[in-house]
Amino acid sequence: MRDVRVLREVRILRDTRISRNARVLRHAWGLSVLGLSVSGLVVGVAIGLTLGR
């Protein structure tokens, strides 16, 4: 009986760690996409300025 409880606690710990990692990965992915879009915008503005001048 005690082994079952320990297994359940271990499974819960593993699930929470996996979900936390997934959340961090999703947050990092969103930040990288945001950075890519911002850098693309900056590059577009720089190209527009150099061409417009």
N, C-alpha and C. Protein backbone atom coordinates (compact mmCIF):
# COMPACT_ATOMS: atom_id res chain seq x y z
N MET A 1 0.84 -1.21 0.00
CA MET A 1 0.00 0.00 0.00
C MET A 1 0.88 1.25 0.00
N ARG A 2 1.96 1.20 0.79
CA ARG A 2 2.82 2.37 0.85
C ARG A 2 3.51 2.60 -0.49
N ASP A 3 3.87 1.52 -1.18
CA ASP A 3 4.54 1.65 -2.48
C ASP A 3 3.63 2.36 -3.48
N VAL A 4 2.35 2.04 -3.44
CA VAL A 4 1.41 2.67 -4.38
C VAL A 4 1.37 4.18 -4.14
N ARG A 5 1.35 4.57 -2.85
CA ARG A 5 1.30 6.00 -2.54
C ARG A 5 2.58 6.69 -3.00
N VAL A 6 3.72 6.05 -2.78
CA VAL A 6 4.99 6.63 -3.20
C VAL A 6 5.02 6.77 -4.72
N LEU A 7 4.53 5.74 -5.42
CA LEU A 7 4.50 5.80 -6.88
C LEU A 7 3.61 6.95 -7.34
N ARG A 8 2.46 7.12 -6.66
CA ARG A 8 1.56 8.20 -7.06
C ARG A 8 2.22 9.56 -6.83
N GLU A 9 2.90 9.73 -5.69
CA GLU A 9 3.57 11.01 -5.42
C GLU A 9 4.67 11.26 -6.44
N VAL A 10 5.42 10.22 -6.79
CA VAL A 10 6.49 10.38 -7.78
C VAL A 10 5.89 10.78 -9.12
N ARG A 11 4.76 10.15 -9.50
CA ARG A 11 4.13 10.48 -10.77
C ARG A 11 3.64 11.93 -10.75
N ILE A 12 3.07 12.38 -9.63
CA ILE A 12 2.59 13.75 -9.53
C ILE A 12 3.76 14.73 -9.65
N LEU A 13 4.87 14.42 -8.97
CA LEU A 13 6.05 15.28 -9.05
C LEU A 13 6.54 15.37 -10.48
N ARG A 14 6.60 14.21 -11.16
CA ARG A 14 7.10 14.19 -12.53
C ARG A 14 6.17 14.99 -13.44
N ASP A 15 4.87 14.84 -13.26
CA ASP A 15 3.91 15.58 -14.10
C ASP A 15 4.04 17.08 -13.90
N THR A 16 4.18 17.51 -12.64
CA THR A 16 4.28 18.95 -12.38
C THR A 16 5.57 19.49 -12.99
N ARG A 17 6.67 18.71 -12.89
CA ARG A 17 7.93 19.17 -13.46
C ARG A 17 7.82 19.28 -14.98
N ILE A 18 7.17 18.29 -15.61
CA ILE A 18 7.00 18.31 -17.06
C ILE A 18 6.14 19.50 -17.48
N SER A 19 5.06 19.75 -16.74
CA SER A 19 4.18 20.86 -17.10
C SER A 19 4.90 22.19 -16.92
N ARG A 20 5.75 22.28 -15.86
CA ARG A 20 6.49 23.52 -15.64
C ARG A 20 7.48 23.73 -16.78
N ASN A 21 8.16 22.66 -17.19
CA ASN A 21 9.11 22.77 -18.31
C ASN A 21 8.38 23.18 -19.58
N ALA A 22 7.19 22.62 -19.81
CA ALA A 22 6.42 22.94 -21.01
C ALA A 22 6.03 24.42 -20.98
N ARG A 23 5.65 24.91 -19.80
CA ARG A 23 5.26 26.31 -19.70
C ARG A 23 6.46 27.22 -19.98
N VAL A 24 7.62 26.86 -19.43
CA VAL A 24 8.83 27.66 -19.67
C VAL A 24 9.20 27.63 -21.15
N LEU A 25 9.07 26.44 -21.77
CA LEU A 25 9.40 26.32 -23.19
C LEU A 25 8.45 27.17 -24.02
N ARG A 26 7.15 27.13 -23.67
CA ARG A 26 6.17 27.92 -24.44
C ARG A 26 6.47 29.42 -24.27
N HIS A 27 6.84 29.82 -23.05
CA HIS A 27 7.14 31.23 -22.80
C HIS A 27 8.37 31.65 -23.60
N ALA A 28 9.40 30.81 -23.61
CA ALA A 28 10.63 31.13 -24.36
C ALA A 28 10.32 31.19 -25.86
N TRP A 29 9.45 30.26 -26.32
CA TRP A 29 9.10 30.24 -27.75
C TRP A 29 8.38 31.54 -28.12
N GLY A 30 7.44 31.96 -27.27
CA GLY A 30 6.72 33.20 -27.53
C GLY A 30 7.67 34.40 -27.53
N LEU A 31 8.64 34.42 -26.60
CA LEU A 31 9.59 35.52 -26.56
C LEU A 31 10.46 35.54 -27.81
N SER A 32 10.88 34.35 -28.27
CA SER A 32 11.73 34.29 -29.46
C SER A 32 10.95 34.76 -30.69
N VAL A 33 9.66 34.36 -30.78
CA VAL A 33 8.84 34.80 -31.91
C VAL A 33 8.66 36.32 -31.86
N LEU A 34 8.45 36.83 -30.65
CA LEU A 34 8.30 38.28 -30.50
C LEU A 34 9.59 39.00 -30.90
N GLY A 35 10.74 38.45 -30.47
CA GLY A 35 12.02 39.04 -30.83
C GLY A 35 12.25 39.00 -32.34
N LEU A 36 11.87 37.87 -32.97
CA LEU A 36 12.04 37.76 -34.42
C LEU A 36 11.19 38.80 -35.15
N SER A 37 9.95 38.97 -34.72
CA SER A 37 9.07 39.93 -35.38
C SER A 37 9.59 41.35 -35.17
N VAL A 38 10.08 41.65 -33.96
CA VAL A 38 10.59 42.99 -33.68
C VAL A 38 11.85 43.26 -34.50
N SER A 39 12.75 42.25 -34.58
CA SER A 39 13.98 42.45 -35.37
C SER A 39 13.63 42.59 -36.85
N GLY A 40 12.62 41.83 -37.32
CA GLY A 40 12.20 41.96 -38.72
C GLY A 40 11.65 43.35 -38.98
N LEU A 41 10.90 43.88 -38.01
CA LEU A 41 10.36 45.23 -38.15
C LEU A 41 11.49 46.25 -38.20
N VAL A 42 12.49 46.08 -37.32
CA VAL A 42 13.63 47.02 -37.30
C VAL A 42 14.39 46.95 -38.62
N VAL A 43 14.61 45.73 -39.13
CA VAL A 43 15.33 45.58 -40.40
C VAL A 43 14.52 46.22 -41.53
N GLY A 44 13.20 46.02 -41.51
CA GLY A 44 12.36 46.63 -42.54
C GLY A 44 12.42 48.15 -42.48
N VAL A 45 12.38 48.71 -41.29
CA VAL A 45 12.46 50.17 -41.14
C VAL A 45 13.81 50.68 -41.62
N ALA A 46 14.89 49.94 -41.28
CA ALA A 46 16.24 50.37 -41.70
C ALA A 46 16.35 50.32 -43.22
N ILE A 47 15.83 49.26 -43.84
CA ILE A 47 15.88 49.15 -45.30
C ILE A 47 15.06 50.27 -45.92
N GLY A 48 13.89 50.55 -45.34
CA GLY A 48 13.05 51.61 -45.87
C GLY A 48 13.74 52.95 -45.76
N LEU A 49 14.46 53.20 -44.66
CA LEU A 49 15.15 54.48 -44.49
C LEU A 49 16.29 54.61 -45.50
N THR A 50 17.06 53.51 -45.68
CA THR A 50 18.20 53.59 -46.61
C THR A 50 17.71 53.74 -48.04
N LEU A 51 16.59 53.08 -48.38
CA LEU A 51 16.07 53.19 -49.75
C LEU A 51 15.41 54.54 -49.97
N GLY A 52 14.74 55.05 -48.92
CA GLY A 52 14.05 56.32 -49.06
C GLY A 52 15.01 57.50 -49.14
N ARG A 53 16.23 57.31 -48.65
CA ARG A 53 17.17 58.42 -48.64
C ARG A 53 17.93 58.52 -49.95
